[in-house]
PDB file of N, CA and C in Angstrom:
ATOM      1  N   MET A   1       0.846  -1.165   0.000  1.00  0.00           N
ATOM      2  CA  MET A   1       0.000   0.000   0.000  1.00  0.00           C
ATOM      3  C   MET A   1       0.897   1.235   0.000  1.00  0.00           C
ATOM      4  N   LYS A   2       0.479   2.265  -0.715  1.00  0.00           N
ATOM      5  CA  LYS A   2       1.227   3.519  -0.757  1.00  0.00           C
ATOM      6  C   LYS A   2       0.859   4.350   0.470  1.00  0.00           C
ATOM      7  N   ILE A   3       1.882   4.740   1.224  1.00  0.00           N
ATOM      8  CA  ILE A   3       1.687   5.545   2.418  1.00  0.00           C
ATOM      9  C   ILE A   3       2.333   6.907   2.191  1.00  0.00           C
ATOM     10  N   THR A   4       1.578   7.961   2.477  1.00  0.00           N
ATOM     11  CA  THR A   4       2.104   9.316   2.374  1.00  0.00           C
ATOM     12  C   THR A   4       2.143   9.933   3.757  1.00  0.00           C
ATOM     13  N   LEU A   5       3.360  10.271   4.218  1.00  0.00           N
ATOM     14  CA  LEU A   5       3.523  10.984   5.476  1.00  0.00           C
ATOM     15  C   LEU A   5       3.405  12.471   5.199  1.00  0.00           C
ATOM     16  N   CYS A   6       2.741  13.208   6.068  1.00  0.00           N
ATOM     17  CA  CYS A   6       2.618  14.663   5.936  1.00  0.00           C
ATOM     18  C   CYS A   6       2.964  15.313   7.267  1.00  0.00           C
ATOM     19  N   ILE A   7       3.684  16.439   7.187  1.00  0.00           N
ATOM     20  CA  ILE A   7       4.014  17.190   8.397  1.00  0.00           C
ATOM     21  C   ILE A   7       3.987  18.680   8.089  1.00  0.00           C
ATOM     22  N   LYS A   8       3.467  19.436   9.041  1.00  0.00           N
ATOM     23  CA  LYS A   8       3.458  20.896   8.936  1.00  0.00           C
ATOM     24  C   LYS A   8       4.609  21.423   9.780  1.00  0.00           C
ATOM     25  N   ILE A   9       5.415  22.296   9.167  1.00  0.00           N
ATOM     26  CA  ILE A   9       6.514  22.955   9.865  1.00  0.00           C
ATOM     27  C   ILE A   9       6.180  24.438   9.896  1.00  0.00           C
ATOM     28  N   TYR A  10       6.217  25.032  11.086  1.00  0.00           N
ATOM     29  CA  TYR A  10       5.818  26.435  11.223  1.00  0.00           C
ATOM     30  C   TYR A  10       6.749  27.144  12.207  1.00  0.00           C
ATOM     31  N   SER A  11       6.613  28.465  12.273  1.00  0.00           N
ATOM     32  CA  SER A  11       7.346  29.258  13.255  1.00  0.00           C
ATOM     33  C   SER A  11       6.425  30.364  13.759  1.00  0.00           C
ATOM     34  N   LYS A  12       6.837  31.047  14.808  1.00  0.00           N
ATOM     35  CA  LYS A  12       5.997  32.106  15.373  1.00  0.00           C
ATOM     36  C   LYS A  12       5.780  33.241  14.379  1.00  0.00           C
ATOM     37  N   ASP A  13       6.747  33.450  13.480  1.00  0.00           N
ATOM     38  CA  ASP A  13       6.588  34.508  12.483  1.00  0.00           C
ATOM     39  C   ASP A  13       5.927  33.993  11.197  1.00  0.00           C
ATOM     40  N   ASN A  14       5.620  32.694  11.142  1.00  0.00           N
ATOM     41  CA  ASN A  14       4.931  32.105   9.988  1.00  0.00           C
ATOM     42  C   ASN A  14       4.062  30.950  10.479  1.00  0.00           C
ATOM     43  N   LEU A  15       2.932  31.293  11.090  1.00  0.00           N
ATOM     44  CA  LEU A  15       2.051  30.275  11.673  1.00  0.00           C
ATOM     45  C   LEU A  15       1.402  29.386  10.620  1.00  0.00           C
ATOM     46  N   GLU A  16       1.220  29.906   9.405  1.00  0.00           N
ATOM     47  CA  GLU A  16       0.665  29.095   8.320  1.00  0.00           C
ATOM     48  C   GLU A  16       1.627  27.977   7.954  1.00  0.00           C
ATOM     49  N   GLY A  17       2.898  28.274   7.979  1.00  0.00           N
ATOM     50  CA  GLY A  17       3.946  27.278   7.798  1.00  0.00           C
ATOM     51  C   GLY A  17       4.014  26.650   6.429  1.00  0.00           C
ATOM     52  N   LEU A  18       4.736  25.542   6.378  1.00  0.00           N
ATOM     53  CA  LEU A  18       4.938  24.762   5.164  1.00  0.00           C
ATOM     54  C   LEU A  18       4.516  23.327   5.443  1.00  0.00           C
ATOM     55  N   ILE A  19       3.965  22.675   4.438  1.00  0.00           N
ATOM     56  CA  ILE A  19       3.580  21.269   4.582  1.00  0.00           C
ATOM     57  C   ILE A  19       4.448  20.447   3.649  1.00  0.00           C
ATOM     58  N   TYR A  20       5.048  19.399   4.215  1.00  0.00           N
ATOM     59  CA  TYR A  20       5.904  18.497   3.445  1.00  0.00           C
ATOM     60  C   TYR A  20       5.308  17.098   3.451  1.00  0.00           C
ATOM     61  N   SER A  21       5.605  16.338   2.403  1.00  0.00           N
ATOM     62  CA  SER A  21       5.142  14.952   2.343  1.00  0.00           C
ATOM     63  C   SER A  21       6.277  14.048   1.880  1.00  0.00           C
ATOM     64  N   LYS A  22       6.128  12.776   2.205  1.00  0.00           N
ATOM     65  CA  LYS A  22       7.100  11.749   1.797  1.00  0.00           C
ATOM     66  C   LYS A  22       6.326  10.459   1.587  1.00  0.00           C
ATOM     67  N   ASN A  23       6.614   9.759   0.487  1.00  0.00           N
ATOM     68  CA  ASN A  23       5.892   8.528   0.141  1.00  0.00           C
ATOM     69  C   ASN A  23       6.701   7.284   0.464  1.00  0.00           C
ATOM     70  N   TYR A  24       5.983   6.246   0.865  1.00  0.00           N
ATOM     71  CA  TYR A  24       6.547   4.939   1.173  1.00  0.00           C
ATOM     72  C   TYR A  24       5.637   3.861   0.597  1.00  0.00           C
ATOM     73  N   GLU A  25       6.183   2.696   0.385  1.00  0.00           N
ATOM     74  CA  GLU A  25       5.398   1.490   0.116  1.00  0.00           C
ATOM     75  C   GLU A  25       5.536   0.617   1.349  1.00  0.00           C
ATOM     76  N   SER A  26       4.410   0.186   1.915  1.00  0.00           N
ATOM     77  CA  SER A  26       4.462  -0.636   3.117  1.00  0.00           C
ATOM     78  C   SER A  26       3.154  -1.387   3.300  1.00  0.00           C
ATOM     79  N   SER A  27       3.244  -2.537   3.928  1.00  0.00           N
ATOM     80  CA  SER A  27       2.036  -3.281   4.286  1.00  0.00           C
ATOM     81  C   SER A  27       1.628  -2.973   5.723  1.00  0.00           C
ATOM     82  N   VAL A  28       2.487  -2.239   6.437  1.00  0.00           N
ATOM     83  CA  VAL A  28       2.218  -1.857   7.822  1.00  0.00           C
ATOM     84  C   VAL A  28       1.769  -0.401   7.852  1.00  0.00           C
ATOM     85  N   VAL A  29       0.622  -0.160   8.488  1.00  0.00           N
ATOM     86  CA  VAL A  29       0.091   1.204   8.585  1.00  0.00           C
ATOM     87  C   VAL A  29       0.061   1.599  10.061  1.00  0.00           C
ATOM     88  N   PRO A  30       0.732   2.700  10.412  1.00  0.00           N
ATOM     89  CA  PRO A  30       0.717   3.126  11.815  1.00  0.00           C
ATOM     90  C   PRO A  30      -0.647   3.650  12.242  1.00  0.00           C
ATOM     91  N   SER A  31      -0.893   3.600  13.522  1.00  0.00           N
ATOM     92  CA  SER A  31      -2.148   4.091  14.103  1.00  0.00           C
ATOM     93  C   SER A  31      -1.916   5.419  14.804  1.00  0.00           C
ATOM     94  N   ILE A  32      -3.009   6.142  15.044  1.00  0.00           N
ATOM     95  CA  ILE A  32      -2.930   7.398  15.787  1.00  0.00           C
ATOM     96  C   ILE A  32      -2.288   7.123  17.141  1.00  0.00           C
ATOM     97  N   GLY A  33      -1.350   7.987  17.512  1.00  0.00           N
ATOM     98  CA  GLY A  33      -0.656   7.845  18.785  1.00  0.00           C
ATOM     99  C   GLY A  33       0.695   7.157  18.673  1.00  0.00           C
ATOM    100  N   GLU A  34       0.881   6.349  17.624  1.00  0.00           N
ATOM    101  CA  GLU A  34       2.184   5.718  17.427  1.00  0.00           C
ATOM    102  C   GLU A  34       3.176   6.766  16.936  1.00  0.00           C
ATOM    103  N   LYS A  35       4.456   6.448  17.006  1.00  0.00           N
ATOM    104  CA  LYS A  35       5.489   7.387  16.579  1.00  0.00           C
ATOM    105  C   LYS A  35       6.227   6.843  15.359  1.00  0.00           C
ATOM    106  N   ILE A  36       6.651   7.775  14.505  1.00  0.00           N
ATOM    107  CA  ILE A  36       7.386   7.428  13.295  1.00  0.00           C
ATOM    108  C   ILE A  36       8.735   8.115  13.336  1.00  0.00           C
ATOM    109  N   LYS A  37       9.784   7.349  13.064  1.00  0.00           N
ATOM    110  CA  LYS A  37      11.137   7.884  13.007  1.00  0.00           C
ATOM    111  C   LYS A  37      11.542   8.011  11.545  1.00  0.00           C
ATOM    112  N   ASP A  38      12.131   9.149  11.199  1.00  0.00           N
ATOM    113  CA  ASP A  38      12.653   9.379   9.856  1.00  0.00           C
ATOM    114  C   ASP A  38      13.982  10.104  10.012  1.00  0.00           C
ATOM    115  N   SER A  39      14.843   9.965   9.026  1.00  0.00           N
ATOM    116  CA  SER A  39      16.180  10.549   9.123  1.00  0.00           C
ATOM    117  C   SER A  39      16.164  12.069   9.286  1.00  0.00           C
ATOM    118  N   ILE A  40      15.090  12.729   8.929  1.00  0.00           N
ATOM    119  CA  ILE A  40      15.038  14.194   9.048  1.00  0.00           C
ATOM    120  C   ILE A  40      14.711  14.660  10.471  1.00  0.00           C
ATOM    121  N   PHE A  41      14.129  13.801  11.288  1.00  0.00           N
ATOM    122  CA  PHE A  41      13.733  14.180  12.649  1.00  0.00           C
ATOM    123  C   PHE A  41      14.794  13.763  13.657  1.00  0.00           C
ATOM    124  N   ASP A  42      15.042  14.635  14.661  1.00  0.00           N
ATOM    125  CA  ASP A  42      15.937  14.224  15.744  1.00  0.00           C
ATOM    126  C   ASP A  42      15.215  13.289  16.709  1.00  0.00           C
ATOM    127  N   VAL A  43      13.896  13.440  16.825  1.00  0.00           N
ATOM    128  CA  VAL A  43      13.086  12.537  17.654  1.00  0.00           C
ATOM    129  C   VAL A  43      11.888  12.064  16.824  1.00  0.00           C
ATOM    130  N   ALA A  44      11.379  10.908  17.171  1.00  0.00           N
ATOM    131  CA  ALA A  44      10.232  10.359  16.442  1.00  0.00           C
ATOM    132  C   ALA A  44       9.025  11.291  16.578  1.00  0.00           C
ATOM    133  N   LYS A  45       8.210  11.328  15.529  1.00  0.00           N
ATOM    134  CA  LYS A  45       7.015  12.187  15.509  1.00  0.00           C
ATOM    135  C   LYS A  45       5.764  11.338  15.690  1.00  0.00           C
ATOM    136  N   LYS A  46       4.817  11.871  16.469  1.00  0.00           N
ATOM    137  CA  LYS A  46       3.575  11.161  16.759  1.00  0.00           C
ATOM    138  C   LYS A  46       2.596  11.274  15.593  1.00  0.00           C
ATOM    139  N   VAL A  47       1.906  10.180  15.306  1.00  0.00           N
ATOM    140  CA  VAL A  47       0.850  10.165  14.292  1.00  0.00           C
ATOM    141  C   VAL A  47      -0.399  10.787  14.904  1.00  0.00           C
ATOM    142  N   VAL A  48      -0.955  11.832  14.224  1.00  0.00           N
ATOM    143  CA  VAL A  48      -2.143  12.500  14.763  1.00  0.00           C
ATOM    144  C   VAL A  48      -3.398  12.229  13.930  1.00  0.00           C
ATOM    145  N   ASP A  49      -3.226  11.715  12.705  1.00  0.00           N
ATOM    146  CA  ASP A  49      -4.393  11.394  11.879  1.00  0.00           C
ATOM    147  C   ASP A  49      -4.009  10.361  10.834  1.00  0.00           C
ATOM    148  N   VAL A  50      -4.940   9.465  10.519  1.00  0.00           N
ATOM    149  CA  VAL A  50      -4.750   8.441   9.500  1.00  0.00           C
ATOM    150  C   VAL A  50      -5.985   8.447   8.605  1.00  0.00           C
ATOM    151  N   THR A  51      -5.777   8.585   7.286  1.00  0.00           N
ATOM    152  CA  THR A  51      -6.890   8.595   6.332  1.00  0.00           C
ATOM    153  C   THR A  51      -6.642   7.531   5.265  1.00  0.00           C
ATOM    154  N   TYR A  52      -7.570   6.593   5.167  1.00  0.00           N
ATOM    155  CA  TYR A  52      -7.485   5.530   4.165  1.00  0.00           C
ATOM    156  C   TYR A  52      -8.281   5.913   2.925  1.00  0.00           C
ATOM    157  N   ASN A  53      -7.729   5.624   1.741  1.00  0.00           N
ATOM    158  CA  ASN A  53      -8.464   5.728   0.489  1.00  0.00           C
ATOM    159  C   ASN A  53      -8.360   4.354  -0.164  1.00  0.00           C
ATOM    160  N   PHE A  54      -9.371   3.521   0.069  1.00  0.00           N
ATOM    161  CA  PHE A  54      -9.327   2.147  -0.412  1.00  0.00           C
ATOM    162  C   PHE A  54      -9.446   2.061  -1.928  1.00  0.00           C
ATOM    163  N   GLN A  55     -10.097   3.032  -2.564  1.00  0.00           N
ATOM    164  CA  GLN A  55     -10.192   3.037  -4.023  1.00  0.00           C
ATOM    165  C   GLN A  55      -8.825   3.162  -4.660  1.00  0.00           C
ATOM    166  N   LEU A  56      -7.972   4.003  -4.071  1.00  0.00           N
ATOM    167  CA  LEU A  56      -6.639   4.234  -4.632  1.00  0.00           C
ATOM    168  C   LEU A  56      -5.550   3.415  -3.947  1.00  0.00           C
ATOM    169  N   SER A  57      -5.925   2.621  -2.953  1.00  0.00           N
ATOM    170  CA  SER A  57      -4.969   1.841  -2.156  1.00  0.00           C
ATOM    171  C   SER A  57      -3.882   2.729  -1.555  1.00  0.00           C
ATOM    172  N   THR A  58      -4.312   3.846  -0.954  1.00  0.00           N
ATOM    173  CA  THR A  58      -3.370   4.777  -0.331  1.00  0.00           C
ATOM    174  C   THR A  58      -3.799   5.080   1.103  1.00  0.00           C
ATOM    175  N   VAL A  59      -2.810   5.475   1.892  1.00  0.00           N
ATOM    176  CA  VAL A  59      -3.061   5.903   3.261  1.00  0.00           C
ATOM    177  C   VAL A  59      -2.289   7.197   3.485  1.00  0.00           C
ATOM    178  N   SER A  60      -2.961   8.202   4.009  1.00  0.00           N
ATOM    179  CA  SER A  60      -2.323   9.468   4.346  1.00  0.00           C
ATOM    180  C   SER A  60      -2.135   9.525   5.855  1.00  0.00           C
ATOM    181  N   ILE A  61      -0.895   9.751   6.282  1.00  0.00           N
ATOM    182  CA  ILE A  61      -0.547   9.794   7.697  1.00  0.00           C
ATOM    183  C   ILE A  61      -0.119  11.213   8.043  1.00  0.00           C
ATOM    184  N   GLU A  62      -0.842  11.857   8.952  1.00  0.00           N
ATOM    185  CA  GLU A  62      -0.467  13.196   9.386  1.00  0.00           C
ATOM    186  C   GLU A  62       0.317  13.095  10.682  1.00  0.00           C
ATOM    187  N   LEU A  63       1.481  13.730  10.693  1.00  0.00           N
ATOM    188  CA  LEU A  63       2.338  13.733  11.874  1.00  0.00           C
ATOM    189  C   LEU A  63       2.154  15.033  12.651  1.00  0.00           C
ATOM    190  N   GLU A  64       2.497  15.003  13.941  1.00  0.00           N
ATOM    191  CA  GLU A  64       2.412  16.216  14.742  1.00  0.00           C
ATOM    192  C   GLU A  64       3.270  17.304  14.108  1.00  0.00           C
ATOM    193  N   SER A  65       2.799  18.537  14.199  1.00  0.00           N
ATOM    194  CA  SER A  65       3.512  19.674  13.618  1.00  0.00           C
ATOM    195  C   SER A  65       4.820  19.928  14.358  1.00  0.00           C
ATOM    196  N   LYS A  66       5.731  20.581  13.653  1.00  0.00           N
ATOM    197  CA  LYS A  66       7.023  20.916  14.253  1.00  0.00           C
ATOM    198  C   LYS A  66       7.215  22.420  14.210  1.00  0.00           C
ATOM    199  N   GLU A  67       7.485  23.020  15.382  1.00  0.00           N
ATOM    200  CA  GLU A  67       7.759  24.455  15.446  1.00  0.00           C
ATOM    201  C   GLU A  67       9.258  24.689  15.283  1.00  0.00           C
ATOM    202  N   MET A  68       9.594  25.624  14.407  1.00  0.00           N
ATOM    203  CA  MET A  68      10.987  25.991  14.157  1.00  0.00           C
ATOM    204  C   MET A  68      11.222  27.382  14.735  1.00  0.00           C
ATOM    205  N   ARG A  69      12.479  27.773  14.850  1.00  0.00           N
ATOM    206  CA  ARG A  69      12.784  29.128  15.316  1.00  0.00           C
ATOM    207  C   ARG A  69      12.366  30.134  14.251  1.00  0.00           C
ATOM    208  N   GLU A  70      12.153  31.359  14.654  1.00  0.00           N
ATOM    209  CA  GLU A  70      11.722  32.406  13.725  1.00  0.00           C
ATOM    210  C   GLU A  70      12.734  32.568  12.597  1.00  0.00           C
ATOM    211  N   GLY A  71      12.233  32.725  11.379  1.00  0.00           N
ATOM    212  CA  GLY A  71      13.077  32.892  10.210  1.00  0.00           C
ATOM    213  C   GLY A  71      13.648  31.605   9.649  1.00  0.00           C
ATOM    214  N   ALA A  72      13.371  30.475  10.286  1.00  0.00           N
ATOM    215  CA  ALA A  72      13.987  29.206   9.885  1.00  0.00           C
ATOM    216  C   ALA A  72      13.327  28.555   8.663  1.00  0.00           C
ATOM    217  N   LEU A  73      12.171  29.048   8.248  1.00  0.00           N
ATOM    218  CA  LEU A  73      11.477  28.389   7.138  1.00  0.00           C
ATOM    219  C   LEU A  73      11.999  28.813   5.770  1.00  0.00           C
ATOM    220  N   ASN A  74      12.932  29.723   5.746  1.00  0.00           N
ATOM    221  CA  ASN A  74      13.493  30.184   4.477  1.00  0.00           C
ATOM    222  C   ASN A  74      14.657  29.297   4.054  1.00  0.00           C
ATOM    223  N   GLY A  75      14.659  28.895   2.814  1.00  0.00           N
ATOM    224  CA  GLY A  75      15.800  28.238   2.193  1.00  0.00           C
ATOM    225  C   GLY A  75      16.326  26.979   2.839  1.00  0.00           C
ATOM    226  N   HIS A  76      17.044  27.109   3.967  1.00  0.00           N
ATOM    227  CA  HIS A  76      17.766  25.980   4.544  1.00  0.00           C
ATOM    228  C   HIS A  76      16.851  24.801   4.876  1.00  0.00           C
ATOM    229  N   VAL A  77      15.711  25.059   5.478  1.00  0.00           N
ATOM    230  CA  VAL A  77      14.774  23.986   5.828  1.00  0.00           C
ATOM    231  C   VAL A  77      14.358  23.234   4.563  1.00  0.00           C
ATOM    232  N   GLN A  78      14.108  23.969   3.510  1.00  0.00           N
ATOM    233  CA  GLN A  78      13.682  23.354   2.254  1.00  0.00           C
ATOM    234  C   GLN A  78      14.793  22.503   1.644  1.00  0.00           C
ATOM    235  N   GLU A  79      16.034  22.952   1.751  1.00  0.00           N
ATOM    236  CA  GLU A  79      17.178  22.182   1.245  1.00  0.00           C
ATOM    237  C   GLU A  79      17.341  20.881   2.022  1.00  0.00           C
ATOM    238  N   VAL A  80      17.257  20.977   3.351  1.00  0.00           N
ATOM    239  CA  VAL A  80      17.402  19.789   4.203  1.00  0.00           C
ATOM    240  C   VAL A  80      16.273  18.799   3.923  1.00  0.00           C
ATOM    241  N   ALA A  81      15.057  19.300   3.787  1.00  0.00           N
ATOM    242  CA  ALA A  81      13.914  18.420   3.499  1.00  0.00           C
ATOM    243  C   ALA A  81      14.145  17.661   2.191  1.00  0.00           C
ATOM    244  N   ALA A  82      14.607  18.345   1.174  1.00  0.00           N
ATOM    245  CA  ALA A  82      14.853  17.704  -0.122  1.00  0.00           C
ATOM    246  C   ALA A  82      15.933  16.617  -0.005  1.00  0.00           C
ATOM    247  N   LEU A  83      16.939  16.848   0.813  1.00  0.00           N
ATOM    248  CA  LEU A  83      18.001  15.845   1.009  1.00  0.00           C
ATOM    249  C   LEU A  83      17.461  14.560   1.620  1.00  0.00           C
ATOM    250  N   HIS A  84      16.361  14.661   2.362  1.00  0.00           N
ATOM    251  CA  HIS A  84      15.752  13.492   3.032  1.00  0.00           C
ATOM    252  C   HIS A  84      14.496  13.003   2.288  1.00  0.00           C
ATOM    253  N   ASP A  85      14.346  13.435   1.044  1.00  0.00           N
ATOM    254  CA  ASP A  85      13.237  13.006   0.160  1.00  0.00           C
ATOM    255  C   ASP A  85      11.866  13.492   0.591  1.00  0.00           C
ATOM    256  N   TRP A  86      11.801  14.595   1.322  1.00  0.00           N
ATOM    257  CA  TRP A  86      10.517  15.227   1.649  1.00  0.00           C
ATOM    258  C   TRP A  86      10.241  16.276   0.589  1.00  0.00           C
ATOM    259  N   VAL A  87       8.978  16.349   0.160  1.00  0.00           N
ATOM    260  CA  VAL A  87       8.569  17.257  -0.927  1.00  0.00           C
ATOM    261  C   VAL A  87       7.618  18.303  -0.377  1.00  0.00           C
ATOM    262  N   LEU A  88       7.857  19.562  -0.746  1.00  0.00           N
ATOM    263  CA  LEU A  88       6.978  20.652  -0.336  1.00  0.00           C
ATOM    264  C   LEU A  88       5.643  20.507  -1.056  1.00  0.00           C
ATOM    265  N   VAL A  89       4.547  20.498  -0.296  1.00  0.00           N
ATOM    266  CA  VAL A  89       3.213  20.397  -0.857  1.00  0.00           C
ATOM    267  C   VAL A  89       2.751  21.809  -1.196  1.00  0.00           C
ATOM    268  N   GLU A  90       2.308  21.992  -2.421  1.00  0.00           N
ATOM    269  CA  GLU A  90       1.910  23.350  -2.841  1.00  0.00           C
ATOM    270  C   GLU A  90       0.420  23.481  -2.900  1.00  0.00           C
TER     271      GLU A  90
END
């Protein structure tokens, strides 16, 4: 099944933030409350929502949001995300 992880990254000066996604193929689907570790996170992130689309055989996993320091959403965050295969959702 195709699994799409989604996370919102925001700061106090940009509360709207940025949303990133990353795709996986897996037969294991995490549940709300479980934690997911990825190379981009220093600590595992909690799953806050799971949405199944059985027609498309996909699952969307929303992770807890991450607050960054002010001004951190420019450039560097986007470069680091790309290095870890996270894509900015437009």
